[in-house]
Amino acid sequence: MFPQSKSAIFGSFALCVLSGVLAGAVTAGPALASDDGEGETFAAHEARVVAEEGLVLRAGPSTQYRAIGSEEYGTVVGIVCRVKGESIEGNPVWYKLGDASYVWSSARDIVNDGEEPRWC
């Protein structure tokens, strides 16, 4: 290999540092954006499960989506937003939770912290 001048070595070092900073900014951007209230994992509201039999968590806002878990009576869950989905007993409102699952919302099944969550 040919010896490099000090300015060439410094230029290569600066390029590596700049590339690392840019890569870090690109990677951290989505994570930082999710903290502003518009992200998928931001749960602006808390709600308590009041259904004695608990709630079934689903992959989407319909009973046609697969069940991916459940929450027991008394559990506090984080609600990101509400979305219209399958109408159950005349109520089409479902809550999207902080873990990206969905639960059908009924005042007799889940009670939020007072304010209605925003629409997705």
PDB file of N, CA and C in Angstrom:
ATOM      1  N   MET A   1       0.829  -1.168   0.000  1.00  0.00           N
ATOM      2  CA  MET A   1       0.000   0.000   0.000  1.00  0.00           C
ATOM      3  C   MET A   1       0.878   1.238   0.000  1.00  0.00           C
ATOM      4  N   PHE A   2       0.348   2.299  -0.559  1.00  0.00           N
ATOM      5  CA  PHE A   2       1.059   3.572  -0.579  1.00  0.00           C
ATOM      6  C   PHE A   2       0.744   4.353   0.691  1.00  0.00           C
ATOM      7  N   PRO A   3       1.718   5.040   1.234  1.00  0.00           N
ATOM      8  CA  PRO A   3       1.438   5.841   2.430  1.00  0.00           C
ATOM      9  C   PRO A   3       0.488   6.994   2.093  1.00  0.00           C
ATOM     10  N   GLN A   4      -0.416   7.302   3.028  1.00  0.00           N
ATOM     11  CA  GLN A   4      -1.365   8.389   2.835  1.00  0.00           C
ATOM     12  C   GLN A   4      -0.902   9.618   3.598  1.00  0.00           C
ATOM     13  N   SER A   5      -1.266  10.763   3.093  1.00  0.00           N
ATOM     14  CA  SER A   5      -0.943  12.002   3.794  1.00  0.00           C
ATOM     15  C   SER A   5      -1.848  12.147   5.008  1.00  0.00           C
ATOM     16  N   LYS A   6      -1.471  13.020   5.943  1.00  0.00           N
ATOM     17  CA  LYS A   6      -2.266  13.239   7.143  1.00  0.00           C
ATOM     18  C   LYS A   6      -3.653  13.765   6.797  1.00  0.00           C
ATOM     19  N   SER A   7      -3.758  14.617   5.780  1.00  0.00           N
ATOM     20  CA  SER A   7      -5.063  15.162   5.412  1.00  0.00           C
ATOM     21  C   SER A   7      -5.965  14.083   4.826  1.00  0.00           C
ATOM     22  N   ALA A   8      -5.391  13.117   4.102  1.00  0.00           N
ATOM     23  CA  ALA A   8      -6.187  12.020   3.549  1.00  0.00           C
ATOM     24  C   ALA A   8      -6.684  11.111   4.660  1.00  0.00           C
ATOM     25  N   ILE A   9      -5.817  10.859   5.660  1.00  0.00           N
ATOM     26  CA  ILE A   9      -6.226  10.031   6.794  1.00  0.00           C
ATOM     27  C   ILE A   9      -7.339  10.735   7.566  1.00  0.00           C
ATOM     28  N   PHE A  10      -7.162  12.053   7.814  1.00  0.00           N
ATOM     29  CA  PHE A  10      -8.187  12.826   8.518  1.00  0.00           C
ATOM     30  C   PHE A  10      -9.497  12.835   7.732  1.00  0.00           C
ATOM     31  N   GLY A  11      -9.417  12.982   6.412  1.00  0.00           N
ATOM     32  CA  GLY A  11     -10.614  12.990   5.566  1.00  0.00           C
ATOM     33  C   GLY A  11     -11.355  11.666   5.638  1.00  0.00           C
ATOM     34  N   SER A  12     -10.616  10.555   5.630  1.00  0.00           N
ATOM     35  CA  SER A  12     -11.239   9.230   5.734  1.00  0.00           C
ATOM     36  C   SER A  12     -11.909   9.062   7.100  1.00  0.00           C
ATOM     37  N   PHE A  13     -11.226   9.520   8.162  1.00  0.00           N
ATOM     38  CA  PHE A  13     -11.772   9.448   9.510  1.00  0.00           C
ATOM     39  C   PHE A  13     -13.049  10.282   9.616  1.00  0.00           C
ATOM     40  N   ALA A  14     -13.008  11.493   9.080  1.00  0.00           N
ATOM     41  CA  ALA A  14     -14.178  12.381   9.135  1.00  0.00           C
ATOM     42  C   ALA A  14     -15.351  11.777   8.374  1.00  0.00           C
ATOM     43  N   LEU A  15     -15.075  11.141   7.239  1.00  0.00           N
ATOM     44  CA  LEU A  15     -16.136  10.509   6.456  1.00  0.00           C
ATOM     45  C   LEU A  15     -16.770   9.357   7.236  1.00  0.00           C
ATOM     46  N   CYS A  16     -15.943   8.575   7.935  1.00  0.00           N
ATOM     47  CA  CYS A  16     -16.468   7.471   8.749  1.00  0.00           C
ATOM     48  C   CYS A  16     -17.346   8.001   9.881  1.00  0.00           C
ATOM     49  N   VAL A  17     -16.890   9.047  10.554  1.00  0.00           N
ATOM     50  CA  VAL A  17     -17.662   9.631  11.655  1.00  0.00           C
ATOM     51  C   VAL A  17     -18.986  10.181  11.137  1.00  0.00           C
ATOM     52  N   LEU A  18     -18.933  10.920  10.027  1.00  0.00           N
ATOM     53  CA  LEU A  18     -20.149  11.483   9.450  1.00  0.00           C
ATOM     54  C   LEU A  18     -21.133  10.389   9.047  1.00  0.00           C
ATOM     55  N   SER A  19     -20.611   9.307   8.471  1.00  0.00           N
ATOM     56  CA  SER A  19     -21.473   8.186   8.077  1.00  0.00           C
ATOM     57  C   SER A  19     -22.149   7.570   9.299  1.00  0.00           C
ATOM     58  N   GLY A  20     -21.403   7.432  10.405  1.00  0.00           N
ATOM     59  CA  GLY A  20     -21.963   6.878  11.627  1.00  0.00           C
ATOM     60  C   GLY A  20     -23.044   7.768  12.208  1.00  0.00           C
ATOM     61  N   VAL A  21     -22.804   9.076  12.197  1.00  0.00           N
ATOM     62  CA  VAL A  21     -23.791  10.024  12.717  1.00  0.00           C
ATOM     63  C   VAL A  21     -25.057   9.976  11.872  1.00  0.00           C
ATOM     64  N   LEU A  22     -24.905   9.953  10.567  1.00  0.00           N
ATOM     65  CA  LEU A  22     -26.061   9.899   9.667  1.00  0.00           C
ATOM     66  C   LEU A  22     -26.844   8.604   9.868  1.00  0.00           C
ATOM     67  N   ALA A  23     -26.138   7.482   9.987  1.00  0.00           N
ATOM     68  CA  ALA A  23     -26.815   6.203  10.211  1.00  0.00           C
ATOM     69  C   ALA A  23     -27.568   6.219  11.533  1.00  0.00           C
ATOM     70  N   GLY A  24     -26.979   6.800  12.552  1.00  0.00           N
ATOM     71  CA  GLY A  24     -27.649   6.897  13.852  1.00  0.00           C
ATOM     72  C   GLY A  24     -28.896   7.754  13.783  1.00  0.00           C
ATOM     73  N   ALA A  25     -28.827   8.852  13.052  1.00  0.00           N
ATOM     74  CA  ALA A  25     -29.981   9.744  12.928  1.00  0.00           C
ATOM     75  C   ALA A  25     -31.114   9.058  12.173  1.00  0.00           C
ATOM     76  N   VAL A  26     -30.783   8.330  11.126  1.00  0.00           N
ATOM     77  CA  VAL A  26     -31.805   7.631  10.347  1.00  0.00           C
ATOM     78  C   VAL A  26     -32.454   6.545  11.189  1.00  0.00           C
ATOM     79  N   THR A  27     -31.664   5.847  11.989  1.00  0.00           N
ATOM     80  CA  THR A  27     -32.187   4.775  12.832  1.00  0.00           C
ATOM     81  C   THR A  27     -33.020   5.328  13.975  1.00  0.00           C
ATOM     82  N   ALA A  28     -32.575   6.401  14.600  1.00  0.00           N
ATOM     83  CA  ALA A  28     -33.273   6.949  15.760  1.00  0.00           C
ATOM     84  C   ALA A  28     -34.495   7.767  15.380  1.00  0.00           C
ATOM     85  N   GLY A  29     -34.578   8.241  14.159  1.00  0.00           N
ATOM     86  CA  GLY A  29     -35.689   9.092  13.741  1.00  0.00           C
ATOM     87  C   GLY A  29     -37.050   8.501  14.003  1.00  0.00           C
ATOM     88  N   PRO A  30     -37.339   7.270  13.526  1.00  0.00           N
ATOM     89  CA  PRO A  30     -38.653   6.684  13.783  1.00  0.00           C
ATOM     90  C   PRO A  30     -38.928   6.480  15.264  1.00  0.00           C
ATOM     91  N   ALA A  31     -37.913   6.115  16.041  1.00  0.00           N
ATOM     92  CA  ALA A  31     -38.118   5.910  17.472  1.00  0.00           C
ATOM     93  C   ALA A  31     -38.464   7.222  18.153  1.00  0.00           C
ATOM     94  N   LEU A  32     -37.802   8.286  17.775  1.00  0.00           N
ATOM     95  CA  LEU A  32     -38.104   9.578  18.361  1.00  0.00           C
ATOM     96  C   LEU A  32     -39.475  10.066  17.936  1.00  0.00           C
ATOM     97  N   ALA A  33     -39.845   9.793  16.698  1.00  0.00           N
ATOM     98  CA  ALA A  33     -41.141  10.236  16.195  1.00  0.00           C
ATOM     99  C   ALA A  33     -42.287   9.563  16.929  1.00  0.00           C
ATOM    100  N   SER A  34     -42.086   8.333  17.408  1.00  0.00           N
ATOM    101  CA  SER A  34     -43.184   7.634  18.069  1.00  0.00           C
ATOM    102  C   SER A  34     -43.503   8.218  19.441  1.00  0.00           C
ATOM    103  N   ASP A  35     -42.645   9.064  19.969  1.00  0.00           N
ATOM    104  CA  ASP A  35     -42.905   9.676  21.260  1.00  0.00           C
ATOM    105  C   ASP A  35     -43.745  10.938  21.151  1.00  0.00           C
ATOM    106  N   ASP A  36     -44.085  11.375  19.931  1.00  0.00           N
ATOM    107  CA  ASP A  36     -44.782  12.645  19.778  1.00  0.00           C
ATOM    108  C   ASP A  36     -46.302  12.505  19.766  1.00  0.00           C
ATOM    109  N   GLY A  37     -46.817  11.323  20.059  1.00  0.00           N
ATOM    110  CA  GLY A  37     -48.257  11.143  20.110  1.00  0.00           C
ATOM    111  C   GLY A  37     -48.842  10.609  18.821  1.00  0.00           C
ATOM    112  N   GLU A  38     -48.050  10.536  17.768  1.00  0.00           N
ATOM    113  CA  GLU A  38     -48.556  10.035  16.499  1.00  0.00           C
ATOM    114  C   GLU A  38     -48.059   8.628  16.218  1.00  0.00           C
ATOM    115  N   GLY A  39     -47.198   8.090  17.028  1.00  0.00           N
ATOM    116  CA  GLY A  39     -46.588   6.787  16.782  1.00  0.00           C
ATOM    117  C   GLY A  39     -47.502   5.631  17.137  1.00  0.00           C
ATOM    118  N   GLU A  40     -47.152   4.468  16.670  1.00  0.00           N
ATOM    119  CA  GLU A  40     -47.952   3.290  16.889  1.00  0.00           C
ATOM    120  C   GLU A  40     -47.925   2.805  18.332  1.00  0.00           C
ATOM    121  N   THR A  41     -46.862   3.080  19.068  1.00  0.00           N
ATOM    122  CA  THR A  41     -46.756   2.527  20.395  1.00  0.00           C
ATOM    123  C   THR A  41     -47.114   3.529  21.480  1.00  0.00           C
ATOM    124  N   PHE A  42     -47.517   4.717  21.129  1.00  0.00           N
ATOM    125  CA  PHE A  42     -47.849   5.743  22.103  1.00  0.00           C
ATOM    126  C   PHE A  42     -49.262   5.491  22.628  1.00  0.00           C
ATOM    127  N   ALA A  43     -49.386   5.284  23.909  1.00  0.00           N
ATOM    128  CA  ALA A  43     -50.693   5.054  24.515  1.00  0.00           C
ATOM    129  C   ALA A  43     -51.096   6.281  25.315  1.00  0.00           C
ATOM    130  N   ALA A  44     -51.984   7.093  24.757  1.00  0.00           N
ATOM    131  CA  ALA A  44     -52.378   8.355  25.371  1.00  0.00           C
ATOM    132  C   ALA A  44     -53.403   8.173  26.480  1.00  0.00           C
ATOM    133  N   HIS A  45     -54.100   7.063  26.484  1.00  0.00           N
ATOM    134  CA  HIS A  45     -55.182   6.841  27.452  1.00  0.00           C
ATOM    135  C   HIS A  45     -54.989   5.500  28.140  1.00  0.00           C
ATOM    136  N   GLU A  46     -55.452   5.456  29.352  1.00  0.00           N
ATOM    137  CA  GLU A  46     -55.488   4.186  30.061  1.00  0.00           C
ATOM    138  C   GLU A  46     -56.939   3.772  30.222  1.00  0.00           C
ATOM    139  N   ALA A  47     -57.160   2.484  30.210  1.00  0.00           N
ATOM    140  CA  ALA A  47     -58.503   1.957  30.405  1.00  0.00           C
ATOM    141  C   ALA A  47     -58.409   0.712  31.275  1.00  0.00           C
ATOM    142  N   ARG A  48     -59.485   0.425  31.948  1.00  0.00           N
ATOM    143  CA  ARG A  48     -59.527  -0.750  32.821  1.00  0.00           C
ATOM    144  C   ARG A  48     -60.547  -1.732  32.257  1.00  0.00           C
ATOM    145  N   VAL A  49     -60.157  -3.001  32.235  1.00  0.00           N
ATOM    146  CA  VAL A  49     -61.056  -4.061  31.786  1.00  0.00           C
ATOM    147  C   VAL A  49     -62.073  -4.309  32.897  1.00  0.00           C
ATOM    148  N   VAL A  50     -63.364  -4.139  32.568  1.00  0.00           N
ATOM    149  CA  VAL A  50     -64.427  -4.340  33.552  1.00  0.00           C
ATOM    150  C   VAL A  50     -65.324  -5.523  33.193  1.00  0.00           C
ATOM    151  N   ALA A  51     -65.026  -6.194  32.093  1.00  0.00           N
ATOM    152  CA  ALA A  51     -65.775  -7.398  31.723  1.00  0.00           C
ATOM    153  C   ALA A  51     -65.323  -8.539  32.637  1.00  0.00           C
ATOM    154  N   GLU A  52     -66.254  -9.158  33.330  1.00  0.00           N
ATOM    155  CA  GLU A  52     -65.905 -10.221  34.276  1.00  0.00           C
ATOM    156  C   GLU A  52     -65.185 -11.379  33.602  1.00  0.00           C
ATOM    157  N   GLU A  53     -65.538 -11.639  32.352  1.00  0.00           N
ATOM    158  CA  GLU A  53     -64.901 -12.737  31.625  1.00  0.00           C
ATOM    159  C   GLU A  53     -63.602 -12.305  30.928  1.00  0.00           C
ATOM    160  N   GLY A  54     -63.240 -11.025  31.052  1.00  0.00           N
ATOM    161  CA  GLY A  54     -62.020 -10.512  30.420  1.00  0.00           C
ATOM    162  C   GLY A  54     -62.261 -10.129  28.971  1.00  0.00           C
ATOM    163  N   LEU A  55     -61.201  -9.729  28.299  1.00  0.00           N
ATOM    164  CA  LEU A  55     -61.284  -9.323  26.896  1.00  0.00           C
ATOM    165  C   LEU A  55     -60.344 -10.149  26.039  1.00  0.00           C
ATOM    166  N   VAL A  56     -60.767 -10.417  24.824  1.00  0.00           N
ATOM    167  CA  VAL A  56     -59.935 -11.115  23.857  1.00  0.00           C
ATOM    168  C   VAL A  56     -59.206 -10.066  23.016  1.00  0.00           C
ATOM    169  N   LEU A  57     -57.891 -10.164  22.938  1.00  0.00           N
ATOM    170  CA  LEU A  57     -57.095  -9.270  22.094  1.00  0.00           C
ATOM    171  C   LEU A  57     -57.030  -9.871  20.704  1.00  0.00           C
ATOM    172  N   ARG A  58     -57.221  -9.038  19.692  1.00  0.00           N
ATOM    173  CA  ARG A  58     -57.244  -9.524  18.314  1.00  0.00           C
ATOM    174  C   ARG A  58     -56.214  -8.791  17.464  1.00  0.00           C
ATOM    175  N   ALA A  59     -55.857  -9.394  16.339  1.00  0.00           N
ATOM    176  CA  ALA A  59     -54.877  -8.815  15.421  1.00  0.00           C
ATOM    177  C   ALA A  59     -55.461  -7.664  14.614  1.00  0.00           C
ATOM    178  N   GLY A  60     -56.765  -7.512  14.579  1.00  0.00           N
ATOM    179  CA  GLY A  60     -57.435  -6.440  13.860  1.00  0.00           C
ATOM    180  C   GLY A  60     -58.799  -6.177  14.470  1.00  0.00           C
ATOM    181  N   PRO A  61     -59.501  -5.149  13.982  1.00  0.00           N
ATOM    182  CA  PRO A  61     -60.764  -4.733  14.597  1.00  0.00           C
ATOM    183  C   PRO A  61     -61.994  -5.520  14.135  1.00  0.00           C
ATOM    184  N   SER A  62     -61.936  -6.841  14.306  1.00  0.00           N
ATOM    185  CA  SER A  62     -63.044  -7.699  13.917  1.00  0.00           C
ATOM    186  C   SER A  62     -62.861  -9.061  14.568  1.00  0.00           C
ATOM    187  N   THR A  63     -63.958  -9.757  14.799  1.00  0.00           N
ATOM    188  CA  THR A  63     -63.856 -11.116  15.328  1.00  0.00           C
ATOM    189  C   THR A  63     -63.320 -12.080  14.265  1.00  0.00           C
ATOM    190  N   GLN A  64     -63.232 -11.610  13.030  1.00  0.00           N
ATOM    191  CA  GLN A  64     -62.655 -12.427  11.961  1.00  0.00           C
ATOM    192  C   GLN A  64     -61.131 -12.501  12.078  1.00  0.00           C
ATOM    193  N   TYR A  65     -60.526 -11.530  12.780  1.00  0.00           N
ATOM    194  CA  TYR A  65     -59.080 -11.568  13.008  1.00  0.00           C
ATOM    195  C   TYR A  65     -58.776 -12.577  14.104  1.00  0.00           C
ATOM    196  N   ARG A  66     -57.598 -13.157  14.031  1.00  0.00           N
ATOM    197  CA  ARG A  66     -57.247 -14.185  15.008  1.00  0.00           C
ATOM    198  C   ARG A  66     -57.067 -13.586  16.401  1.00  0.00           C
ATOM    199  N   ALA A  67     -57.389 -14.357  17.392  1.00  0.00           N
ATOM    200  CA  ALA A  67     -57.165 -13.967  18.788  1.00  0.00           C
ATOM    201  C   ALA A  67     -55.669 -14.101  19.071  1.00  0.00           C
ATOM    202  N   ILE A  68     -55.090 -13.071  19.669  1.00  0.00           N
ATOM    203  CA  ILE A  68     -53.644 -13.097  19.945  1.00  0.00           C
ATOM    204  C   ILE A  68     -53.341 -13.003  21.444  1.00  0.00           C
ATOM    205  N   GLY A  69     -54.366 -13.019  22.257  1.00  0.00           N
ATOM    206  CA  GLY A  69     -54.169 -12.960  23.696  1.00  0.00           C
ATOM    207  C   GLY A  69     -55.440 -12.551  24.394  1.00  0.00           C
ATOM    208  N   SER A  70     -55.311 -12.256  25.669  1.00  0.00           N
ATOM    209  CA  SER A  70     -56.469 -11.819  26.443  1.00  0.00           C
ATOM    210  C   SER A  70     -55.999 -10.955  27.604  1.00  0.00           C
ATOM    211  N   GLU A  71     -56.930 -10.210  28.145  1.00  0.00           N
ATOM    212  CA  GLU A  71     -56.679  -9.397  29.335  1.00  0.00           C
ATOM    213  C   GLU A  71     -57.746  -9.744  30.358  1.00  0.00           C
ATOM    214  N   GLU A  72     -57.337  -9.928  31.594  1.00  0.00           N
ATOM    215  CA  GLU A  72     -58.245 -10.306  32.663  1.00  0.00           C
ATOM    216  C   GLU A  72     -58.969  -9.102  33.251  1.00  0.00           C
ATOM    217  N   TYR A  73     -60.044  -9.381  33.949  1.00  0.00           N
ATOM    218  CA  TYR A  73     -60.806  -8.368  34.660  1.00  0.00           C
ATOM    219  C   TYR A  73     -59.866  -7.550  35.550  1.00  0.00           C
ATOM    220  N   GLY A  74     -60.009  -6.223  35.503  1.00  0.00           N
ATOM    221  CA  GLY A  74     -59.206  -5.342  36.346  1.00  0.00           C
ATOM    222  C   GLY A  74     -57.894  -4.893  35.751  1.00  0.00           C
ATOM    223  N   THR A  75     -57.470  -5.488  34.643  1.00  0.00           N
ATOM    224  CA  THR A  75     -56.208  -5.120  34.012  1.00  0.00           C
ATOM    225  C   THR A  75     -56.305  -3.717  33.423  1.00  0.00           C
ATOM    226  N   VAL A  76     -55.246  -2.930  33.579  1.00  0.00           N
ATOM    227  CA  VAL A  76     -55.179  -1.607  32.966  1.00  0.00           C
ATOM    228  C   VAL A  76     -54.418  -1.751  31.643  1.00  0.00           C
ATOM    229  N   VAL A  77     -55.015  -1.233  30.572  1.00  0.00           N
ATOM    230  CA  VAL A  77     -54.402  -1.299  29.248  1.00  0.00           C
ATOM    231  C   VAL A  77     -54.210   0.109  28.702  1.00  0.00           C
ATOM    232  N   GLY A  78     -53.247   0.289  27.815  1.00  0.00           N
ATOM    233  CA  GLY A  78     -53.006   1.576  27.172  1.00  0.00           C
ATOM    234  C   GLY A  78     -53.698   1.626  25.823  1.00  0.00           C
ATOM    235  N   ILE A  79     -54.480   2.670  25.597  1.00  0.00           N
ATOM    236  CA  ILE A  79     -55.195   2.845  24.331  1.00  0.00           C
ATOM    237  C   ILE A  79     -54.472   3.890  23.493  1.00  0.00           C
ATOM    238  N   VAL A  80     -54.145   3.544  22.249  1.00  0.00           N
ATOM    239  CA  VAL A  80     -53.516   4.471  21.318  1.00  0.00           C
ATOM    240  C   VAL A  80     -54.574   5.324  20.639  1.00  0.00           C
ATOM    241  N   CYS A  81     -55.603   4.679  20.101  1.00  0.00           N
ATOM    242  CA  CYS A  81     -56.650   5.385  19.367  1.00  0.00           C
ATOM    243  C   CYS A  81     -57.835   4.454  19.191  1.00  0.00           C
ATOM    244  N   ARG A  82     -58.913   4.984  18.617  1.00  0.00           N
ATOM    245  CA  ARG A  82     -60.081   4.161  18.338  1.00  0.00           C
ATOM    246  C   ARG A  82     -60.288   4.084  16.832  1.00  0.00           C
ATOM    247  N   VAL A  83     -60.901   3.007  16.410  1.00  0.00           N
ATOM    248  CA  VAL A  83     -61.077   2.749  14.988  1.00  0.00           C
ATOM    249  C   VAL A  83     -62.432   2.073  14.780  1.00  0.00           C
ATOM    250  N   LYS A  84     -63.042   2.318  13.629  1.00  0.00           N
ATOM    251  CA  LYS A  84     -64.287   1.626  13.298  1.00  0.00           C
ATOM    252  C   LYS A  84     -63.943   0.261  12.733  1.00  0.00           C
ATOM    253  N   GLY A  85     -64.655  -0.728  13.213  1.00  0.00           N
ATOM    254  CA  GLY A  85     -64.444  -2.097  12.760  1.00  0.00           C
ATOM    255  C   GLY A  85     -65.773  -2.818  12.695  1.00  0.00           C
ATOM    256  N   GLU A  86     -65.731  -4.104  12.929  1.00  0.00           N
ATOM    257  CA  GLU A  86     -66.943  -4.914  12.929  1.00  0.00           C
ATOM    258  C   GLU A  86     -67.910  -4.398  13.990  1.00  0.00           C
ATOM    259  N   SER A  87     -69.155  -4.245  13.617  1.00  0.00           N
ATOM    260  CA  SER A  87     -70.171  -3.797  14.558  1.00  0.00           C
ATOM    261  C   SER A  87     -70.634  -4.981  15.394  1.00  0.00           C
ATOM    262  N   ILE A  88     -70.536  -4.819  16.706  1.00  0.00           N
ATOM    263  CA  ILE A  88     -70.986  -5.851  17.630  1.00  0.00           C
ATOM    264  C   ILE A  88     -72.045  -5.219  18.522  1.00  0.00           C
ATOM    265  N   GLU A  89     -73.215  -5.818  18.540  1.00  0.00           N
ATOM    266  CA  GLU A  89     -74.347  -5.281  19.302  1.00  0.00           C
ATOM    267  C   GLU A  89     -74.593  -3.814  18.960  1.00  0.00           C
ATOM    268  N   GLY A  90     -74.416  -3.459  17.676  1.00  0.00           N
ATOM    269  CA  GLY A  90     -74.653  -2.104  17.201  1.00  0.00           C
ATOM    270  C   GLY A  90     -73.512  -1.128  17.453  1.00  0.00           C
ATOM    271  N   ASN A  91     -72.415  -1.588  17.999  1.00  0.00           N
ATOM    272  CA  ASN A  91     -71.275  -0.722  18.307  1.00  0.00           C
ATOM    273  C   ASN A  91     -70.068  -1.113  17.448  1.00  0.00           C
ATOM    274  N   PRO A  92     -69.646  -0.235  16.488  1.00  0.00           N
ATOM    275  CA  PRO A  92     -68.520  -0.557  15.616  1.00  0.00           C
ATOM    276  C   PRO A  92     -67.162  -0.063  16.133  1.00  0.00           C
ATOM    277  N   VAL A  93     -67.112   0.482  17.344  1.00  0.00           N
ATOM    278  CA  VAL A  93     -65.878   1.088  17.840  1.00  0.00           C
ATOM    279  C   VAL A  93     -64.980   0.046  18.498  1.00  0.00           C
ATOM    280  N   TRP A  94     -63.727   0.027  18.051  1.00  0.00           N
ATOM    281  CA  TRP A  94     -62.693  -0.834  18.618  1.00  0.00           C
ATOM    282  C   TRP A  94     -61.566   0.061  19.085  1.00  0.00           C
ATOM    283  N   TYR A  95     -60.839  -0.376  20.095  1.00  0.00           N
ATOM    284  CA  TYR A  95     -59.662   0.351  20.562  1.00  0.00           C
ATOM    285  C   TYR A  95     -58.406  -0.345  20.060  1.00  0.00           C
ATOM    286  N   LYS A  96     -57.474   0.456  19.562  1.00  0.00           N
ATOM    287  CA  LYS A  96     -56.147  -0.071  19.235  1.00  0.00           C
ATOM    288  C   LYS A  96     -55.290   0.171  20.472  1.00  0.00           C
ATOM    289  N   LEU A  97     -54.707  -0.897  20.993  1.00  0.00           N
ATOM    290  CA  LEU A  97     -53.929  -0.800  22.217  1.00  0.00           C
ATOM    291  C   LEU A  97     -52.464  -0.514  21.927  1.00  0.00           C
ATOM    292  N   GLY A  98     -51.730  -0.159  22.946  1.00  0.00           N
ATOM    293  CA  GLY A  98     -50.324   0.191  22.815  1.00  0.00           C
ATOM    294  C   GLY A  98     -49.458  -0.933  22.287  1.00  0.00           C
ATOM    295  N   ASP A  99     -49.902  -2.178  22.425  1.00  0.00           N
ATOM    296  CA  ASP A  99     -49.116  -3.308  21.905  1.00  0.00           C
ATOM    297  C   ASP A  99     -49.561  -3.699  20.500  1.00  0.00           C
ATOM    298  N   ALA A 100     -50.338  -2.844  19.839  1.00  0.00           N
ATOM    299  CA  ALA A 100     -50.820  -3.019  18.460  1.00  0.00           C
ATOM    300  C   ALA A 100     -51.924  -4.072  18.352  1.00  0.00           C
ATOM    301  N   SER A 101     -52.507  -4.509  19.459  1.00  0.00           N
ATOM    302  CA  SER A 101     -53.657  -5.408  19.386  1.00  0.00           C
ATOM    303  C   SER A 101     -54.925  -4.563  19.405  1.00  0.00           C
ATOM    304  N   TYR A 102     -56.055  -5.198  19.164  1.00  0.00           N
ATOM    305  CA  TYR A 102     -57.336  -4.500  19.113  1.00  0.00           C
ATOM    306  C   TYR A 102     -58.311  -5.173  20.069  1.00  0.00           C
ATOM    307  N   VAL A 103     -59.153  -4.369  20.718  1.00  0.00           N
ATOM    308  CA  VAL A 103     -60.238  -4.897  21.544  1.00  0.00           C
ATOM    309  C   VAL A 103     -61.510  -4.142  21.210  1.00  0.00           C
ATOM    310  N   TRP A 104     -62.610  -4.866  21.213  1.00  0.00           N
ATOM    311  CA  TRP A 104     -63.894  -4.217  20.975  1.00  0.00           C
ATOM    312  C   TRP A 104     -64.218  -3.386  22.194  1.00  0.00           C
ATOM    313  N   SER A 105     -64.714  -2.185  21.972  1.00  0.00           N
ATOM    314  CA  SER A 105     -64.984  -1.281  23.089  1.00  0.00           C
ATOM    315  C   SER A 105     -66.466  -1.213  23.388  1.00  0.00           C
ATOM    316  N   SER A 106     -66.770  -1.507  24.593  1.00  0.00           N
ATOM    317  CA  SER A 106     -68.122  -1.362  25.095  1.00  0.00           C
ATOM    318  C   SER A 106     -67.978  -0.840  26.514  1.00  0.00           C
ATOM    319  N   ALA A 107     -68.845   0.061  26.904  1.00  0.00           N
ATOM    320  CA  ALA A 107     -68.770   0.630  28.252  1.00  0.00           C
ATOM    321  C   ALA A 107     -68.883  -0.458  29.310  1.00  0.00           C
ATOM    322  N   ARG A 108     -69.497  -1.562  28.958  1.00  0.00           N
ATOM    323  CA  ARG A 108     -69.619  -2.625  29.963  1.00  0.00           C
ATOM    324  C   ARG A 108     -68.424  -3.578  29.941  1.00  0.00           C
ATOM    325  N   ASP A 109     -67.513  -3.424  28.967  1.00  0.00           N
ATOM    326  CA  ASP A 109     -66.345  -4.305  28.862  1.00  0.00           C
ATOM    327  C   ASP A 109     -65.022  -3.612  29.206  1.00  0.00           C
ATOM    328  N   ILE A 110     -64.899  -2.340  28.826  1.00  0.00           N
ATOM    329  CA  ILE A 110     -63.659  -1.606  29.045  1.00  0.00           C
ATOM    330  C   ILE A 110     -64.017  -0.144  29.291  1.00  0.00           C
ATOM    331  N   VAL A 111     -63.434   0.461  30.297  1.00  0.00           N
ATOM    332  CA  VAL A 111     -63.738   1.845  30.662  1.00  0.00           C
ATOM    333  C   VAL A 111     -62.453   2.648  30.553  1.00  0.00           C
ATOM    334  N   ASN A 112     -62.479   3.713  29.720  1.00  0.00           N
ATOM    335  CA  ASN A 112     -61.265   4.522  29.562  1.00  0.00           C
ATOM    336  C   ASN A 112     -61.185   5.582  30.648  1.00  0.00           C
ATOM    337  N   ASP A 113     -60.114   6.374  30.610  1.00  0.00           N
ATOM    338  CA  ASP A 113     -59.821   7.336  31.681  1.00  0.00           C
ATOM    339  C   ASP A 113     -60.673   8.599  31.649  1.00  0.00           C
ATOM    340  N   GLY A 114     -61.742   8.595  30.894  1.00  0.00           N
ATOM    341  CA  GLY A 114     -62.636   9.748  30.863  1.00  0.00           C
ATOM    342  C   GLY A 114     -62.722  10.396  29.500  1.00  0.00           C
ATOM    343  N   GLU A 115     -61.604  10.678  28.878  1.00  0.00           N
ATOM    344  CA  GLU A 115     -61.597  11.278  27.539  1.00  0.00           C
ATOM    345  C   GLU A 115     -61.680  10.182  26.503  1.00  0.00           C
ATOM    346  N   GLU A 116     -62.363  10.483  25.422  1.00  0.00           N
ATOM    347  CA  GLU A 116     -62.386   9.537  24.310  1.00  0.00           C
ATOM    348  C   GLU A 116     -61.060   9.608  23.578  1.00  0.00           C
ATOM    349  N   PRO A 117     -60.457   8.470  23.268  1.00  0.00           N
ATOM    350  CA  PRO A 117     -59.210   8.496  22.480  1.00  0.00           C
ATOM    351  C   PRO A 117     -59.467   9.066  21.089  1.00  0.00           C
ATOM    352  N   ARG A 118     -58.439   9.589  20.474  1.00  0.00           N
ATOM    353  CA  ARG A 118     -58.545  10.127  19.115  1.00  0.00           C
ATOM    354  C   ARG A 118     -58.833   8.987  18.139  1.00  0.00           C
ATOM    355  N   TRP A 119     -59.350   9.324  16.974  1.00  0.00           N
ATOM    356  CA  TRP A 119     -59.550   8.332  15.923  1.00  0.00           C
ATOM    357  C   TRP A 119     -58.215   8.050  15.254  1.00  0.00           C
ATOM    358  N   CYS A 120     -57.996   6.817  14.872  1.00  0.00           N
ATOM    359  CA  CYS A 120     -56.754   6.427  14.190  1.00  0.00           C
ATOM    360  C   CYS A 120     -56.708   7.033  12.803  1.00  0.00           C
TER     361      CYS A 120
END
